[in-house]
Protein backbone atom coordinates (compact mmCIF):
# COMPACT_ATOMS: atom_id res chain seq x y z
CA MET A 1 0.09 0.08 -0.02
CA LEU A 2 1.27 3.44 -0.71
CA THR A 3 2.16 5.24 2.63
CA HIS A 4 1.45 8.63 3.69
CA HIS A 5 5.28 9.65 3.46
CA GLU A 6 5.74 8.18 -0.15
CA LEU A 7 2.71 10.11 -1.29
CA GLY A 8 3.70 13.43 0.25
CA LEU A 9 7.26 13.61 -1.61
CA LEU A 10 5.24 13.19 -4.77
CA TRP A 11 2.46 15.92 -4.16
CA ASP A 12 2.65 19.67 -4.11
CA PHE A 13 -1.02 20.73 -4.62
CA ASP A 14 0.25 24.44 -5.80
CA ASP A 15 1.94 22.47 -8.90
CA PRO A 16 -0.20 19.93 -9.95
CA ALA A 17 1.49 19.51 -13.22
CA GLY A 18 4.68 18.91 -11.77
CA SER A 19 2.96 16.61 -9.21
CA GLU A 20 1.37 14.87 -12.35
CA GLN A 21 5.01 14.04 -13.85
CA ARG A 22 6.49 12.98 -10.30
CA LEU A 23 3.39 10.62 -10.02
CA ARG A 24 3.70 9.20 -13.20
CA ASP A 25 7.48 8.47 -13.01
CA ALA A 26 7.04 6.94 -9.75
CA ALA A 27 4.13 4.45 -11.36
CA ARG A 28 6.74 3.62 -14.19
CA ARG A 29 9.39 2.67 -11.76
CA PRO A 30 10.79 -0.67 -12.26
CA GLY A 31 9.82 -3.41 -9.34
CA SER A 32 6.70 -1.35 -8.54
CA SER A 33 3.99 -3.55 -7.82
CA PRO A 34 0.45 -3.78 -9.94
CA GLU A 35 -1.26 -2.26 -6.41
CA LEU A 36 1.42 0.21 -6.06
CA ARG A 37 0.86 1.19 -9.90
CA ALA A 38 -2.65 1.39 -9.46
CA GLU A 39 -2.62 3.63 -6.47
CA LEU A 40 -0.19 6.14 -8.10
CA GLU A 41 -2.36 6.13 -11.46
CA THR A 42 -5.52 7.44 -9.04
CA GLN A 43 -3.19 10.11 -7.95
CA VAL A 44 -2.27 11.01 -11.49
CA ALA A 45 -6.05 11.24 -12.25
CA ARG A 46 -6.40 13.71 -9.34
CA ALA A 47 -3.54 15.86 -10.58
CA LEU A 48 -5.19 15.94 -13.91
CA GLY A 49 -8.50 16.95 -12.29
CA LEU A 50 -6.85 19.63 -10.40
CA GLN A 51 -5.56 21.14 -14.04
CA SER A 52 -9.33 20.66 -14.98
CA ARG A 53 -8.42 18.05 -17.43
CA PHE A 54 -11.52 16.11 -16.35
CA ASP A 55 -11.76 13.78 -19.38
CA GLU A 56 -8.20 12.75 -19.37
CA ALA A 57 -8.59 11.97 -15.59
CA SER A 58 -11.93 9.87 -16.11
CA SER A 59 -10.50 8.03 -18.82
CA LEU A 60 -7.43 7.10 -16.68
CA LEU A 61 -9.61 5.83 -13.89
CA ASP A 62 -11.43 3.41 -16.17
CA ARG A 63 -8.09 2.03 -17.07
CA ILE A 64 -7.56 1.05 -13.62
CA VAL A 65 -8.82 -2.65 -12.66
CA PHE A 66 -6.66 -3.79 -9.70
CA ASP A 67 -8.83 -5.22 -6.91
CA SER A 68 -7.85 -4.38 -3.22
CA PRO A 69 -9.41 -2.12 -0.52
CA PRO A 70 -6.85 0.74 -0.97
CA VAL A 71 -7.18 0.90 -4.61
CA ALA A 72 -10.76 0.53 -4.56
CA THR A 73 -11.55 3.40 -2.01
CA ARG A 74 -8.90 5.78 -3.90
CA LEU A 75 -10.75 4.95 -6.97
CA LEU A 76 -14.22 6.22 -5.43
CA LEU A 77 -12.60 9.34 -4.09
CA GLU A 78 -10.76 10.35 -7.24
CA ARG A 79 -14.13 9.96 -9.10
CA GLY A 80 -16.04 11.39 -6.59
CA ARG A 81 -13.56 14.73 -6.64
CA LEU A 82 -13.60 14.72 -10.56
CA LEU A 83 -17.72 14.96 -10.00
CA ASN A 84 -17.28 17.75 -7.11
CA SER A 85 -14.68 19.87 -9.18
CA SER A 86 -16.82 19.43 -12.58
CA GLY A 87 -19.84 21.02 -10.74
CA HIS A 88 -21.75 17.80 -9.77
CA PRO A 89 -21.61 17.68 -5.93
CA ASP A 90 -24.73 15.76 -5.37
CA ALA A 91 -23.66 12.95 -7.63
CA ALA A 92 -20.04 12.79 -6.21
CA VAL A 93 -21.90 12.20 -2.49
CA ALA A 94 -22.60 8.42 -3.56
CA PHE A 95 -18.86 7.98 -4.50
CA PHE A 96 -17.80 9.51 -1.28
CA THR A 97 -20.29 7.34 0.53
CA ARG A 98 -19.04 3.94 -0.79
CA ALA A 99 -15.55 4.77 -0.23
CA ARG A 100 -15.86 5.67 3.42
CA VAL A 101 -17.53 2.40 3.50
CA ILE A 102 -14.92 0.39 1.96
CA ALA A 103 -11.96 2.26 3.81
CA GLY A 104 -13.87 1.47 7.24
CA ARG A 105 -14.38 -2.29 6.34
CA ALA A 106 -10.51 -2.40 5.59
CA GLY A 107 -9.37 -0.28 8.68
CA LEU A 108 -8.07 2.38 5.92
CA SER A 109 -8.69 5.40 8.90
CA TYR A 110 -6.80 7.87 6.83
CA LEU A 111 -8.77 7.29 3.79
CA GLU A 112 -12.13 6.90 5.52
CA VAL A 113 -11.17 10.19 7.01
CA ASP A 114 -10.21 11.67 3.58
CA ALA A 115 -14.03 10.32 2.63
CA LEU A 116 -15.87 11.91 5.41
CA HIS A 117 -13.89 15.42 4.57
CA MET A 118 -15.21 15.28 1.03
CA LEU A 119 -18.66 14.43 2.11
CA ALA A 120 -18.61 17.61 4.33
CA ILE A 121 -17.75 19.64 1.30
CA ALA A 122 -19.84 17.85 -1.36
CA ASP A 123 -23.05 17.56 1.02
CA PRO A 124 -22.99 21.00 2.73
CA ALA A 125 -26.40 20.67 4.24
CA ASN A 126 -24.69 18.09 6.39
CA ALA A 127 -21.39 19.33 6.91
CA ASP A 128 -21.68 19.56 10.59
CA ASP A 129 -22.25 15.72 10.70
CA TRP A 130 -19.62 14.56 8.34
CA THR A 131 -17.11 16.56 9.91
CA LYS A 132 -18.00 15.46 13.75
CA GLN A 133 -17.80 12.03 12.36
CA GLY A 134 -14.34 12.72 10.88
CA LEU A 135 -13.02 14.33 14.27
CA ALA A 136 -14.59 11.64 16.37
CA MET A 137 -12.13 9.18 14.25
CA LEU A 138 -8.84 11.19 14.96
CA ASP A 139 -9.42 10.48 18.91
CA ASP A 140 -8.26 7.03 18.14
CA ALA A 141 -5.77 7.81 15.22
CA ALA A 142 -2.58 6.38 15.85
CA ASP A 143 -0.29 8.45 13.70
CA GLU A 144 0.22 11.96 13.29
CA ARG A 145 -0.66 12.08 9.50
CA THR A 146 -4.27 10.88 10.19
CA ARG A 147 -4.55 13.38 12.68
CA LEU A 148 -3.48 16.38 10.65
CA TRP A 149 -6.96 15.76 9.04
CA ALA A 150 -8.15 17.84 12.05
CA VAL A 151 -6.66 21.08 10.39
CA ALA A 152 -8.65 20.65 7.09
CA LEU A 153 -11.89 19.30 8.89
CA HIS A 154 -12.16 22.38 11.40
CA ASN A 155 -11.37 24.60 8.44
CA ASN A 156 -13.65 23.54 6.28
CA LEU A 157 -16.23 23.92 8.66
CA GLY A 158 -15.30 27.08 9.42
CA TRP A 159 -15.70 28.39 6.04
CA HIS A 160 -19.33 26.64 5.68
CA LEU A 161 -20.33 28.62 8.67
CA HIS A 162 -18.72 31.82 7.63
CA ASP A 163 -20.56 31.49 4.25
CA ALA A 164 -23.75 30.97 6.71
CA GLY A 165 -22.91 34.30 8.47
CA ARG A 166 -22.28 32.36 11.49
CA PHE A 167 -19.16 34.18 12.19
CA ASP A 168 -18.66 33.42 16.04
CA GLU A 169 -19.19 29.53 15.62
CA ALA A 170 -16.96 30.09 12.46
CA LEU A 171 -14.19 31.66 14.67
CA THR A 172 -14.13 28.80 16.79
CA GLN A 173 -13.62 26.47 14.26
CA PHE A 174 -10.56 28.33 12.56
CA ALA A 175 -9.28 28.56 16.04
CA LEU A 176 -9.33 24.79 16.60
CA ALA A 177 -7.81 24.33 12.84
CA GLN A 178 -4.96 26.63 14.07
CA GLY A 179 -4.49 24.73 17.06
CA ALA A 180 -4.06 21.44 15.07
CA ALA A 181 -1.88 22.93 12.70
CA ILE A 182 0.36 23.90 15.56
CA ARG A 183 0.17 20.42 16.92
CA PHE A 184 0.72 18.30 13.68
CA GLY A 185 1.04 20.57 10.56
CA ASP A 186 3.71 22.41 9.10
CA ASP A 187 4.75 26.12 8.28
CA GLU A 188 2.27 26.11 5.35
CA HIS A 189 -0.61 24.80 7.67
CA ARG A 190 0.16 27.35 10.31
CA PHE A 191 0.31 30.21 8.10
CA SER A 192 -3.21 29.47 6.53
CA SER A 193 -4.72 29.17 9.76
CA ARG A 194 -3.85 32.32 11.08
CA TRP A 195 -4.65 33.84 8.01
CA ALA A 196 -8.40 32.24 8.45
CA VAL A 197 -8.80 33.41 11.71
CA ALA A 198 -7.82 36.95 11.05
CA ARG A 199 -10.41 37.23 8.25
CA CYS A 200 -13.00 35.53 10.52
CA LEU A 201 -12.08 38.64 12.90
CA ARG A 202 -12.83 41.09 10.17
CA SER A 203 -16.02 39.63 9.50
CA LEU A 204 -16.43 39.94 13.26
CA GLY A 205 -15.78 43.79 12.91
CA ARG A 206 -12.55 43.00 15.22
CA ASN A 207 -10.33 44.67 12.59
CA ASP A 208 -7.67 45.81 15.05
CA GLU A 209 -7.18 42.13 16.13
CA ALA A 210 -7.46 41.40 12.18
CA LEU A 211 -4.80 43.59 11.31
CA ASP A 212 -2.20 42.69 13.97
CA ILE A 213 -2.15 39.01 12.72
CA GLN A 214 -2.23 40.14 9.09
CA ARG A 215 0.55 42.61 9.76
CA GLU A 216 2.49 39.57 11.35
CA LEU A 217 1.96 37.60 8.32
CA ALA A 218 3.04 40.14 5.83
CA ALA A 219 6.33 40.58 7.84
CA GLU A 220 6.96 36.68 7.16
CA ARG A 221 5.83 36.49 3.55
CA PRO A 222 5.66 40.13 1.96
CA ASP A 223 4.46 38.74 -1.43
CA ALA A 224 1.69 36.70 -0.25
CA GLU A 225 -1.55 38.22 -2.20
CA ASP A 226 -4.21 36.99 0.43
CA VAL A 227 -2.48 39.16 3.04
CA GLN A 228 -2.02 42.11 0.89
CA SER A 229 -5.71 41.93 -0.19
CA GLU A 230 -6.80 41.97 3.53
CA LEU A 231 -4.53 44.49 4.70
CA ALA A 232 -5.96 46.76 1.61
CA GLU A 233 -9.42 45.73 3.03
CA LEU A 234 -8.47 46.80 6.51
CA GLY A 235 -7.16 50.06 5.49
CA ALA A 236 -3.53 49.47 6.15
């Protein structure tokens, strides 16, 4: 099975084209098992989807035939992500639900939480419930890579609440995401989570607090466009 560490070395979500090439090269590597190649090919499809090359991604997934719980789960996840990204979230829900079931039966906790995280995105009416189920799983997670899902789960729920105008509840979720980023994440997670807290503070009218955070972030990364945009909104 493809490990989180191996996959992390190949993926850069800010560079899907580069990730696609690295994943293709890894899948062609001599000595790779058929199962490993199949898992890597599902990730090639994901990289294609992030480039909006949806037909190519779908055709690639059609050609993957290896039958194992990890491959089956990843196939369902990537089919669901393609549907969600191409504007069909309702259709994606069925794929994420099936992925969650297969991963759960096989004890693939990381992929099961991934499915719950995607359900919260594709099915916003039930985002609270899907997120709570994902977070409950993290209480028993043995590895920090799985527990890192807390950042995305809290962050996504925070934006769902923020978009609904429930700013106090959203701030709570963003603060929890920041705490998880400090415990389990890297510099990028910590930077992004601080930005989200500041953005929500602005929505709450707490502009002085928001400005302090955005100025700190600007000192760290002067070229960060989201930070500069917020500073402009705050009148700095």
